[in-house]
């Protein structure tokens, strides 16, 4: 294994393109004997002695997983684009791909849209990040350079709906990384990953709740008996004691939410893999049930019991 690792180190130093380097980094990861206990980015960084954030390494691995469809984005990464931006664009391309459209065409469309964004932030490593937001990005930016706000839309188109969550995660994650500059790198990576997991949990919860509302479910379809049973069952899944009087108080709701977040992180695929998918689904549905019961209680003005 040591001879193989030394060979891969030499190959990595000689690699010309970023995509070739990532391919070698994945081969290094395959040498790990403790994949379940180790994070890919941290292991590869330590094994190759790289001066790269482990979080960025894992993002490049995910981009590499898109295969040939990501080649135009790798070319941009060589020039001026961050791997994080490239990953966001190909995710958006996959989400917005039209019927009969090739993924390569969807990627080209997303790149063209990205290049048309008016706000440019220059990073220290020579990369740039383009943003849609019309707000000022820097305090020293003159007010006159702020682009005019776009006209109000009558309705949000399907593309905006599908890409909103991806852009939100990217924006919040970038903010966290900026805030933690200069701090211990391992702590920064951990906190960014934790934040992104939290955002994923919230997004999935909101999407499911919206689906239930549109389908006519949730609190609107409840009765006292259904609410009591759902609340009791949900408390069992979320490991909290049901309120004796059936009234969801602020303290009960807060403690239940803490348990939900902890369990959701524990069972989420990013943490435990696909083996706990059913447990994660049960936790999400239990939390939805608690919120539905609270909504029913508030609407009725009394206990759901």
C-alpha atoms as a PDB file:
ATOM      1  CA  UNK A   1       0.000   0.000   0.000  1.00  0.00           C
ATOM      2  CA  UNK A   2       2.846   2.395   0.826  1.00  0.00           C
ATOM      3  CA  UNK A   3       4.429   1.838  -2.587  1.00  0.00           C
ATOM      4  CA  UNK A   4       1.068   2.472  -4.275  1.00  0.00           C
ATOM      5  CA  UNK A   5       0.554   5.657  -2.280  1.00  0.00           C
ATOM      6  CA  UNK A   6       4.004   6.967  -3.191  1.00  0.00           C
ATOM      7  CA  UNK A   7       3.305   6.229  -6.848  1.00  0.00           C
ATOM      8  CA  UNK A   8      -0.009   8.120  -6.660  1.00  0.00           C
ATOM      9  CA  UNK A   9       1.709  11.043  -4.956  1.00  0.00           C
ATOM     10  CA  UNK A  10       4.139  11.327  -7.857  1.00  0.00           C
ATOM     11  CA  UNK A  11       1.279  11.085 -10.338  1.00  0.00           C
ATOM     12  CA  UNK A  12      -0.627  13.780  -8.458  1.00  0.00           C
ATOM     13  CA  UNK A  13       2.327  16.172  -8.577  1.00  0.00           C
ATOM     14  CA  UNK A  14       2.741  15.538 -12.309  1.00  0.00           C
ATOM     15  CA  UNK A  15      -0.958  15.871 -13.186  1.00  0.00           C
ATOM     16  CA  UNK A  16      -1.742  18.795 -15.472  1.00  0.00           C
ATOM     17  CA  UNK A  17      -5.475  19.298 -15.061  1.00  0.00           C
ATOM     18  CA  UNK A  18      -7.625  19.595 -11.959  1.00  0.00           C
ATOM     19  CA  UNK A  19      -9.823  16.742 -13.143  1.00  0.00           C
ATOM     20  CA  UNK A  20      -6.808  14.441 -13.440  1.00  0.00           C
ATOM     21  CA  UNK A  21      -5.727  15.381  -9.927  1.00  0.00           C
ATOM     22  CA  UNK A  22      -9.158  14.587  -8.535  1.00  0.00           C
ATOM     23  CA  UNK A  23      -9.108  11.217 -10.322  1.00  0.00           C
ATOM     24  CA  UNK A  24      -5.862  10.397  -8.532  1.00  0.00           C
ATOM     25  CA  UNK A  25      -7.237  11.632  -5.205  1.00  0.00           C
ATOM     26  CA  UNK A  26     -10.123   9.197  -5.570  1.00  0.00           C
ATOM     27  CA  UNK A  27      -7.620   6.385  -6.114  1.00  0.00           C
ATOM     28  CA  UNK A  28      -5.906   7.449  -2.903  1.00  0.00           C
ATOM     29  CA  UNK A  29      -9.229   7.324  -1.084  1.00  0.00           C
ATOM     30  CA  UNK A  30      -9.760   3.779  -2.326  1.00  0.00           C
ATOM     31  CA  UNK A  31      -6.630   2.787  -0.410  1.00  0.00           C
ATOM     32  CA  UNK A  32      -8.283   3.684   2.898  1.00  0.00           C
ATOM     33  CA  UNK A  33      -8.999   0.688   5.085  1.00  0.00           C
ATOM     34  CA  UNK A  34     -11.391   2.566   7.375  1.00  0.00           C
ATOM     35  CA  UNK A  35     -13.861   4.198   5.023  1.00  0.00           C
ATOM     36  CA  UNK A  36     -16.721   4.171   7.533  1.00  0.00           C
ATOM     37  CA  UNK A  37     -14.670   5.953  10.211  1.00  0.00           C
ATOM     38  CA  UNK A  38     -12.893   8.455   7.946  1.00  0.00           C
ATOM     39  CA  UNK A  39     -14.040  11.401   5.866  1.00  0.00           C
ATOM     40  CA  UNK A  40     -12.797  11.326   2.297  1.00  0.00           C
ATOM     41  CA  UNK A  41     -11.569  14.900   2.183  1.00  0.00           C
ATOM     42  CA  UNK A  42      -9.595  14.712   5.424  1.00  0.00           C
ATOM     43  CA  UNK A  43      -8.040  11.358   4.579  1.00  0.00           C
ATOM     44  CA  UNK A  44      -6.971  12.374   1.073  1.00  0.00           C
ATOM     45  CA  UNK A  45      -5.606  15.715   2.254  1.00  0.00           C
ATOM     46  CA  UNK A  46      -3.474  14.063   4.944  1.00  0.00           C
ATOM     47  CA  UNK A  47      -2.367  11.188   2.701  1.00  0.00           C
ATOM     48  CA  UNK A  48      -1.200  13.502  -0.101  1.00  0.00           C
ATOM     49  CA  UNK A  49      -0.096  16.382   2.111  1.00  0.00           C
ATOM     50  CA  UNK A  50      -2.371  18.834   0.316  1.00  0.00           C
ATOM     51  CA  UNK A  51      -2.985  22.423   1.377  1.00  0.00           C
ATOM     52  CA  UNK A  52      -6.684  22.198   0.510  1.00  0.00           C
ATOM     53  CA  UNK A  53      -9.772  22.408   2.647  1.00  0.00           C
ATOM     54  CA  UNK A  54     -11.145  18.837   3.084  1.00  0.00           C
ATOM     55  CA  UNK A  55     -14.606  20.202   2.402  1.00  0.00           C
ATOM     56  CA  UNK A  56     -13.451  21.451  -1.019  1.00  0.00           C
ATOM     57  CA  UNK A  57     -11.930  18.046  -1.781  1.00  0.00           C
ATOM     58  CA  UNK A  58     -15.264  16.337  -1.151  1.00  0.00           C
ATOM     59  CA  UNK A  59     -17.044  18.837  -3.391  1.00  0.00           C
ATOM     60  CA  UNK A  60     -14.610  18.069  -6.209  1.00  0.00           C
ATOM     61  CA  UNK A  61     -15.254  14.356  -5.726  1.00  0.00           C
ATOM     62  CA  UNK A  62     -18.988  14.948  -6.122  1.00  0.00           C
ATOM     63  CA  UNK A  63     -18.382  17.008  -9.264  1.00  0.00           C
ATOM     64  CA  UNK A  64     -16.189  14.215 -10.650  1.00  0.00           C
ATOM     65  CA  UNK A  65     -19.084  11.803 -10.137  1.00  0.00           C
ATOM     66  CA  UNK A  66     -21.071  13.569 -12.867  1.00  0.00           C
ATOM     67  CA  UNK A  67     -18.666  12.155 -15.467  1.00  0.00           C
ATOM     68  CA  UNK A  68     -18.322  13.643 -18.942  1.00  0.00           C
ATOM     69  CA  UNK A  69     -21.272  15.977 -18.402  1.00  0.00           C
ATOM     70  CA  UNK A  70     -19.070  18.021 -16.071  1.00  0.00           C
ATOM     71  CA  UNK A  71     -16.143  18.418 -18.503  1.00  0.00           C
ATOM     72  CA  UNK A  72     -17.094  22.004 -19.528  1.00  0.00           C
ATOM     73  CA  UNK A  73     -17.269  22.898 -15.845  1.00  0.00           C
ATOM     74  CA  UNK A  74     -13.858  21.370 -15.162  1.00  0.00           C
ATOM     75  CA  UNK A  75     -12.487  23.588 -17.926  1.00  0.00           C
ATOM     76  CA  UNK A  76     -13.962  26.600 -16.155  1.00  0.00           C
ATOM     77  CA  UNK A  77     -12.519  25.432 -12.828  1.00  0.00           C
ATOM     78  CA  UNK A  78      -9.104  25.539 -14.498  1.00  0.00           C
ATOM     79  CA  UNK A  79      -9.789  29.154 -15.480  1.00  0.00           C
ATOM     80  CA  UNK A  80     -11.833  31.151 -12.982  1.00  0.00           C
ATOM     81  CA  UNK A  81     -14.626  29.086 -11.417  1.00  0.00           C
ATOM     82  CA  UNK A  82     -14.649  27.495  -7.960  1.00  0.00           C
ATOM     83  CA  UNK A  83     -15.466  23.806  -7.640  1.00  0.00           C
ATOM     84  CA  UNK A  84     -18.379  24.758  -5.415  1.00  0.00           C
ATOM     85  CA  UNK A  85     -19.885  26.939  -8.141  1.00  0.00           C
ATOM     86  CA  UNK A  86     -19.352  24.220 -10.740  1.00  0.00           C
ATOM     87  CA  UNK A  87     -21.094  21.709  -8.483  1.00  0.00           C
ATOM     88  CA  UNK A  88     -24.045  24.051  -7.943  1.00  0.00           C
ATOM     89  CA  UNK A  89     -24.397  24.582 -11.695  1.00  0.00           C
ATOM     90  CA  UNK A  90     -24.442  20.912 -12.608  1.00  0.00           C
ATOM     91  CA  UNK A  91     -26.925  20.208  -9.810  1.00  0.00           C
ATOM     92  CA  UNK A  92     -29.127  22.953 -11.222  1.00  0.00           C
ATOM     93  CA  UNK A  93     -28.690  21.535 -14.743  1.00  0.00           C
ATOM     94  CA  UNK A  94     -29.840  18.117 -13.601  1.00  0.00           C
ATOM     95  CA  UNK A  95     -32.816  19.599 -11.740  1.00  0.00           C
ATOM     96  CA  UNK A  96     -33.950  21.801 -14.633  1.00  0.00           C
ATOM     97  CA  UNK A  97     -33.227  19.474 -17.556  1.00  0.00           C
ATOM     98  CA  UNK A  98     -36.157  19.675 -19.947  1.00  0.00           C
ATOM     99  CA  UNK A  99     -37.834  16.638 -21.513  1.00  0.00           C
ATOM    100  CA  UNK A 100     -35.693  15.417 -24.391  1.00  0.00           C
ATOM    101  CA  UNK A 101     -32.809  17.715 -23.485  1.00  0.00           C
ATOM    102  CA  UNK A 102     -29.314  16.279 -23.049  1.00  0.00           C
ATOM    103  CA  UNK A 103     -27.582  16.955 -19.752  1.00  0.00           C
ATOM    104  CA  UNK A 104     -24.720  18.563 -21.695  1.00  0.00           C
ATOM    105  CA  UNK A 105     -27.133  21.124 -23.171  1.00  0.00           C
ATOM    106  CA  UNK A 106     -28.595  21.781 -19.724  1.00  0.00           C
ATOM    107  CA  UNK A 107     -25.098  22.385 -18.361  1.00  0.00           C
ATOM    108  CA  UNK A 108     -24.315  24.803 -21.193  1.00  0.00           C
ATOM    109  CA  UNK A 109     -27.538  26.669 -20.449  1.00  0.00           C
ATOM    110  CA  UNK A 110     -26.671  26.957 -16.765  1.00  0.00           C
ATOM    111  CA  UNK A 111     -23.158  28.199 -17.571  1.00  0.00           C
ATOM    112  CA  UNK A 112     -24.582  30.863 -19.893  1.00  0.00           C
ATOM    113  CA  UNK A 113     -27.008  31.991 -17.189  1.00  0.00           C
ATOM    114  CA  UNK A 114     -24.182  32.079 -14.632  1.00  0.00           C
ATOM    115  CA  UNK A 115     -21.983  34.212 -16.904  1.00  0.00           C
ATOM    116  CA  UNK A 116     -24.807  36.724 -17.270  1.00  0.00           C
ATOM    117  CA  UNK A 117     -25.035  37.423 -13.533  1.00  0.00           C
ATOM    118  CA  UNK A 118     -24.133  41.047 -12.780  1.00  0.00           C
ATOM    119  CA  UNK A 119     -22.312  40.757  -9.444  1.00  0.00           C
ATOM    120  CA  UNK A 120     -18.770  39.447  -9.334  1.00  0.00           C
ATOM    121  CA  UNK A 121     -16.817  38.666  -6.187  1.00  0.00           C
ATOM    122  CA  UNK A 122     -13.068  38.173  -6.599  1.00  0.00           C
ATOM    123  CA  UNK A 123     -11.486  35.588  -4.322  1.00  0.00           C
ATOM    124  CA  UNK A 124      -7.904  35.502  -3.083  1.00  0.00           C
ATOM    125  CA  UNK A 125      -7.056  32.384  -5.086  1.00  0.00           C
ATOM    126  CA  UNK A 126      -7.817  34.159  -8.358  1.00  0.00           C
ATOM    127  CA  UNK A 127     -11.265  32.636  -8.719  1.00  0.00           C
ATOM    128  CA  UNK A 128     -14.469  34.622  -9.034  1.00  0.00           C
ATOM    129  CA  UNK A 129     -18.026  34.041  -7.877  1.00  0.00           C
ATOM    130  CA  UNK A 130     -20.955  35.523  -9.765  1.00  0.00           C
ATOM    131  CA  UNK A 131     -24.196  36.174  -7.891  1.00  0.00           C
ATOM    132  CA  UNK A 132     -27.695  37.128  -8.947  1.00  0.00           C
ATOM    133  CA  UNK A 133     -28.498  39.210  -5.886  1.00  0.00           C
ATOM    134  CA  UNK A 134     -28.899  42.934  -6.683  1.00  0.00           C
ATOM    135  CA  UNK A 135     -27.715  43.942  -3.204  1.00  0.00           C
ATOM    136  CA  UNK A 136     -24.274  45.372  -2.506  1.00  0.00           C
ATOM    137  CA  UNK A 137     -21.639  42.702  -1.966  1.00  0.00           C
ATOM    138  CA  UNK A 138     -18.975  44.923  -0.447  1.00  0.00           C
ATOM    139  CA  UNK A 139     -19.182  47.910   1.837  1.00  0.00           C
ATOM    140  CA  UNK A 140     -16.734  49.879  -0.276  1.00  0.00           C
ATOM    141  CA  UNK A 141     -18.745  49.306  -3.437  1.00  0.00           C
ATOM    142  CA  UNK A 142     -20.208  52.633  -4.569  1.00  0.00           C
ATOM    143  CA  UNK A 143     -24.022  52.750  -4.411  1.00  0.00           C
ATOM    144  CA  UNK A 144     -24.187  53.796  -8.044  1.00  0.00           C
ATOM    145  CA  UNK A 145     -22.772  50.437  -9.105  1.00  0.00           C
ATOM    146  CA  UNK A 146     -25.676  48.520  -7.653  1.00  0.00           C
ATOM    147  CA  UNK A 147     -27.812  47.049 -10.431  1.00  0.00           C
ATOM    148  CA  UNK A 148     -31.442  48.028 -10.579  1.00  0.00           C
ATOM    149  CA  UNK A 149     -33.864  45.670  -8.894  1.00  0.00           C
ATOM    150  CA  UNK A 150     -35.591  43.367 -11.350  1.00  0.00           C
ATOM    151  CA  UNK A 151     -39.300  43.953 -11.977  1.00  0.00           C
ATOM    152  CA  UNK A 152     -41.701  42.041  -9.782  1.00  0.00           C
ATOM    153  CA  UNK A 153     -42.835  38.738 -11.231  1.00  0.00           C
ATOM    154  CA  UNK A 154     -46.415  37.700 -11.493  1.00  0.00           C
ATOM    155  CA  UNK A 155     -45.470  34.097 -10.712  1.00  0.00           C
ATOM    156  CA  UNK A 156     -42.317  32.152  -9.904  1.00  0.00           C
ATOM    157  CA  UNK A 157     -41.391  29.931 -12.797  1.00  0.00           C
ATOM    158  CA  UNK A 158     -40.569  26.257 -12.375  1.00  0.00           C
ATOM    159  CA  UNK A 159     -36.843  26.746 -12.769  1.00  0.00           C
ATOM    160  CA  UNK A 160     -36.671  29.236  -9.897  1.00  0.00           C
ATOM    161  CA  UNK A 161     -38.564  26.818  -7.695  1.00  0.00           C
ATOM    162  CA  UNK A 162     -36.187  23.951  -8.433  1.00  0.00           C
ATOM    163  CA  UNK A 163     -32.958  25.933  -8.063  1.00  0.00           C
ATOM    164  CA  UNK A 164     -33.921  28.076  -5.069  1.00  0.00           C
ATOM    165  CA  UNK A 165     -32.845  25.498  -2.495  1.00  0.00           C
ATOM    166  CA  UNK A 166     -29.505  24.820  -4.170  1.00  0.00           C
ATOM    167  CA  UNK A 167     -28.703  28.517  -4.296  1.00  0.00           C
ATOM    168  CA  UNK A 168     -29.765  28.987  -0.684  1.00  0.00           C
ATOM    169  CA  UNK A 169     -27.427  26.225   0.479  1.00  0.00           C
ATOM    170  CA  UNK A 170     -24.582  27.681  -1.542  1.00  0.00           C
ATOM    171  CA  UNK A 171     -25.152  31.179  -0.169  1.00  0.00           C
ATOM    172  CA  UNK A 172     -25.394  30.129   3.476  1.00  0.00           C
ATOM    173  CA  UNK A 173     -22.472  27.714   3.203  1.00  0.00           C
ATOM    174  CA  UNK A 174     -20.302  30.416   1.634  1.00  0.00           C
ATOM    175  CA  UNK A 175     -21.232  32.829   4.410  1.00  0.00           C
ATOM    176  CA  UNK A 176     -20.235  30.302   7.073  1.00  0.00           C
ATOM    177  CA  UNK A 177     -16.885  29.581   5.418  1.00  0.00           C
ATOM    178  CA  UNK A 178     -16.194  33.316   5.212  1.00  0.00           C
ATOM    179  CA  UNK A 179     -17.067  33.799   8.883  1.00  0.00           C
ATOM    180  CA  UNK A 180     -14.748  30.994  10.001  1.00  0.00           C
ATOM    181  CA  UNK A 181     -11.681  32.121   8.060  1.00  0.00           C
ATOM    182  CA  UNK A 182      -8.626  32.069  10.285  1.00  0.00           C
ATOM    183  CA  UNK A 183     -10.093  29.536  12.706  1.00  0.00           C
ATOM    184  CA  UNK A 184      -9.019  25.929  13.089  1.00  0.00           C
ATOM    185  CA  UNK A 185      -9.656  24.297   9.725  1.00  0.00           C
ATOM    186  CA  UNK A 186     -11.088  21.064  11.116  1.00  0.00           C
ATOM    187  CA  UNK A 187     -13.618  23.027  13.169  1.00  0.00           C
ATOM    188  CA  UNK A 188     -14.544  25.188  10.180  1.00  0.00           C
ATOM    189  CA  UNK A 189     -15.135  22.140   7.967  1.00  0.00           C
ATOM    190  CA  UNK A 190     -17.219  20.455  10.655  1.00  0.00           C
ATOM    191  CA  UNK A 191     -19.404  23.511  11.203  1.00  0.00           C
ATOM    192  CA  UNK A 192     -20.000  24.060   7.478  1.00  0.00           C
ATOM    193  CA  UNK A 193     -20.962  20.421   7.031  1.00  0.00           C
ATOM    194  CA  UNK A 194     -23.265  20.589  10.057  1.00  0.00           C
ATOM    195  CA  UNK A 195     -24.931  23.722   8.714  1.00  0.00           C
ATOM    196  CA  UNK A 196     -25.473  22.161   5.297  1.00  0.00           C
ATOM    197  CA  UNK A 197     -27.007  19.074   6.898  1.00  0.00           C
ATOM    198  CA  UNK A 198     -29.355  21.321   8.899  1.00  0.00           C
ATOM    199  CA  UNK A 199     -30.363  23.182   5.745  1.00  0.00           C
ATOM    200  CA  UNK A 200     -31.016  19.898   3.942  1.00  0.00           C
ATOM    201  CA  UNK A 201     -33.222  18.733   6.795  1.00  0.00           C
ATOM    202  CA  UNK A 202     -35.204  21.967   6.818  1.00  0.00           C
ATOM    203  CA  UNK A 203     -35.563  21.965   3.020  1.00  0.00           C
ATOM    204  CA  UNK A 204     -36.822  18.393   2.929  1.00  0.00           C
ATOM    205  CA  UNK A 205     -39.226  19.141   5.765  1.00  0.00           C
ATOM    206  CA  UNK A 206     -40.613  22.235   4.037  1.00  0.00           C
ATOM    207  CA  UNK A 207     -41.007  20.445   0.716  1.00  0.00           C
ATOM    208  CA  UNK A 208     -42.928  17.599   2.313  1.00  0.00           C
ATOM    209  CA  UNK A 209     -45.141  20.005   4.244  1.00  0.00           C
ATOM    210  CA  UNK A 210     -45.943  21.926   1.086  1.00  0.00           C
ATOM    211  CA  UNK A 211     -46.820  18.679  -0.642  1.00  0.00           C
ATOM    212  CA  UNK A 212     -49.134  17.700   2.185  1.00  0.00           C
ATOM    213  CA  UNK A 213     -50.855  21.082   2.148  1.00  0.00           C
ATOM    214  CA  UNK A 214     -51.388  20.926  -1.615  1.00  0.00           C
ATOM    215  CA  UNK A 215     -52.776  17.417  -1.250  1.00  0.00           C
ATOM    216  CA  UNK A 216     -55.247  18.563   1.395  1.00  0.00           C
ATOM    217  CA  UNK A 217     -53.545  16.753   4.288  1.00  0.00           C
ATOM    218  CA  UNK A 218     -52.019  18.006   7.510  1.00  0.00           C
ATOM    219  CA  UNK A 219     -54.013  19.852  10.148  1.00  0.00           C
ATOM    220  CA  UNK A 220     -56.929  20.469   7.790  1.00  0.00           C
ATOM    221  CA  UNK A 221     -57.857  16.776   7.777  1.00  0.00           C
ATOM    222  CA  UNK A 222     -57.491  16.189  11.543  1.00  0.00           C
ATOM    223  CA  UNK A 223     -59.947  15.400  14.324  1.00  0.00           C
ATOM    224  CA  UNK A 224     -59.291  15.342  18.063  1.00  0.00           C
ATOM    225  CA  UNK A 225     -58.787  11.578  18.057  1.00  0.00           C
ATOM    226  CA  UNK A 226     -56.444  11.639  15.058  1.00  0.00           C
ATOM    227  CA  UNK A 227     -54.428  14.497  16.521  1.00  0.00           C
ATOM    228  CA  UNK A 228     -54.019  12.712  19.860  1.00  0.00           C
ATOM    229  CA  UNK A 229     -52.918   9.462  18.213  1.00  0.00           C
ATOM    230  CA  UNK A 230     -50.515  11.171  15.806  1.00  0.00           C
ATOM    231  CA  UNK A 231     -48.937  13.223  18.581  1.00  0.00           C
ATOM    232  CA  UNK A 232     -48.420  10.148  20.771  1.00  0.00           C
ATOM    233  CA  UNK A 233     -46.904   8.141  17.921  1.00  0.00           C
ATOM    234  CA  UNK A 234     -44.653  11.052  16.899  1.00  0.00           C
ATOM    235  CA  UNK A 235     -43.363  11.476  20.453  1.00  0.00           C
ATOM    236  CA  UNK A 236     -42.336   7.824  20.480  1.00  0.00           C
ATOM    237  CA  UNK A 237     -40.291   8.245  17.305  1.00  0.00           C
ATOM    238  CA  UNK A 238     -38.734  11.526  18.475  1.00  0.00           C
ATOM    239  CA  UNK A 239     -37.949  10.128  21.942  1.00  0.00           C
ATOM    240  CA  UNK A 240     -39.905  12.671  23.961  1.00  0.00           C
ATOM    241  CA  UNK A 241     -42.608  12.184  26.568  1.00  0.00           C
ATOM    242  CA  UNK A 242     -46.048  13.171  25.222  1.00  0.00           C
ATOM    243  CA  UNK A 243     -47.649  16.095  27.088  1.00  0.00           C
ATOM    244  CA  UNK A 244     -50.064  14.706  29.664  1.00  0.00           C
ATOM    245  CA  UNK A 245     -52.813  17.156  28.791  1.00  0.00           C
ATOM    246  CA  UNK A 246     -52.137  16.939  25.066  1.00  0.00           C
ATOM    247  CA  UNK A 247     -51.296  20.658  24.798  1.00  0.00           C
ATOM    248  CA  UNK A 248     -48.165  21.489  22.834  1.00  0.00           C
ATOM    249  CA  UNK A 249     -46.422  24.194  24.834  1.00  0.00           C
ATOM    250  CA  UNK A 250     -43.457  26.292  23.690  1.00  0.00           C
ATOM    251  CA  UNK A 251     -41.056  24.312  25.883  1.00  0.00           C
ATOM    252  CA  UNK A 252     -42.365  20.980  24.591  1.00  0.00           C
ATOM    253  CA  UNK A 253     -42.122  22.166  20.985  1.00  0.00           C
ATOM    254  CA  UNK A 254     -38.535  23.421  21.496  1.00  0.00           C
ATOM    255  CA  UNK A 255     -37.321  20.216  23.131  1.00  0.00           C
ATOM    256  CA  UNK A 256     -39.011  18.116  20.449  1.00  0.00           C
ATOM    257  CA  UNK A 257     -37.381  20.194  17.720  1.00  0.00           C
ATOM    258  CA  UNK A 258     -33.959  19.654  19.310  1.00  0.00           C
ATOM    259  CA  UNK A 259     -34.523  15.910  19.343  1.00  0.00           C
ATOM    260  CA  UNK A 260     -35.714  15.996  15.732  1.00  0.00           C
ATOM    261  CA  UNK A 261     -32.581  17.801  14.552  1.00  0.00           C
ATOM    262  CA  UNK A 262     -30.319  15.421  16.460  1.00  0.00           C
ATOM    263  CA  UNK A 263     -32.054  12.308  15.143  1.00  0.00           C
ATOM    264  CA  UNK A 264     -32.274  13.677  11.601  1.00  0.00           C
ATOM    265  CA  UNK A 265     -28.514  14.265  11.572  1.00  0.00           C
ATOM    266  CA  UNK A 266     -27.899  10.805  13.000  1.00  0.00           C
ATOM    267  CA  UNK A 267     -30.020   9.021  10.391  1.00  0.00           C
ATOM    268  CA  UNK A 268     -29.397  11.266   7.366  1.00  0.00           C
ATOM    269  CA  UNK A 269     -27.743   9.612   4.376  1.00  0.00           C
ATOM    270  CA  UNK A 270     -24.861  12.102   4.499  1.00  0.00           C
ATOM    271  CA  UNK A 271     -24.000  10.796   7.960  1.00  0.00           C
ATOM    272  CA  UNK A 272     -25.027   7.147   8.033  1.00  0.00           C
ATOM    273  CA  UNK A 273     -25.501   6.210   4.381  1.00  0.00           C
ATOM    274  CA  UNK A 274     -28.564   4.568   2.851  1.00  0.00           C
ATOM    275  CA  UNK A 275     -28.914   1.979   5.618  1.00  0.00           C
ATOM    276  CA  UNK A 276     -30.849   4.393   7.840  1.00  0.00           C
ATOM    277  CA  UNK A 277     -33.068   5.903   5.149  1.00  0.00           C
ATOM    278  CA  UNK A 278     -36.247   4.425   6.640  1.00  0.00           C
ATOM    279  CA  UNK A 279     -35.401   5.710  10.130  1.00  0.00           C
ATOM    280  CA  UNK A 280     -34.713   9.161   8.717  1.00  0.00           C
ATOM    281  CA  UNK A 281     -38.054   9.142   6.907  1.00  0.00           C
ATOM    282  CA  UNK A 282     -39.829   8.143  10.120  1.00  0.00           C
ATOM    283  CA  UNK A 283     -38.175  10.990  12.041  1.00  0.00           C
ATOM    284  CA  UNK A 284     -39.154  13.549   9.382  1.00  0.00           C
ATOM    285  CA  UNK A 285     -42.744  12.313   9.292  1.00  0.00           C
ATOM    286  CA  UNK A 286     -42.942  12.391  13.105  1.00  0.00           C
ATOM    287  CA  UNK A 287     -41.765  16.001  13.172  1.00  0.00           C
ATOM    288  CA  UNK A 288     -44.339  16.882  10.522  1.00  0.00           C
ATOM    289  CA  UNK A 289     -47.004  15.256  12.681  1.00  0.00           C
ATOM    290  CA  UNK A 290     -46.016  17.386  15.683  1.00  0.00           C
ATOM    291  CA  UNK A 291     -46.257  20.545  13.587  1.00  0.00           C
ATOM    292  CA  UNK A 292     -49.615  19.474  12.163  1.00  0.00           C
ATOM    293  CA  UNK A 293     -50.923  18.840  15.676  1.00  0.00           C
ATOM    294  CA  UNK A 294     -49.724  22.268  16.801  1.00  0.00           C
ATOM    295  CA  UNK A 295     -51.402  23.885  13.793  1.00  0.00           C
ATOM    296  CA  UNK A 296     -54.616  21.999  14.552  1.00  0.00           C
ATOM    297  CA  UNK A 297     -54.431  23.064  18.211  1.00  0.00           C
ATOM    298  CA  UNK A 298     -53.896  26.698  17.326  1.00  0.00           C
ATOM    299  CA  UNK A 299     -56.703  26.659  14.781  1.00  0.00           C
ATOM    300  CA  UNK A 300     -59.106  25.056  17.205  1.00  0.00           C
ATOM    301  CA  UNK A 301     -58.005  27.203  20.155  1.00  0.00           C
ATOM    302  CA  UNK A 302     -57.832  24.284  22.547  1.00  0.00           C
ATOM    303  CA  UNK A 303     -56.076  20.990  23.204  1.00  0.00           C
ATOM    304  CA  UNK A 304     -56.053  18.388  20.448  1.00  0.00           C
ATOM    305  CA  UNK A 305     -56.743  15.767  23.068  1.00  0.00           C
END
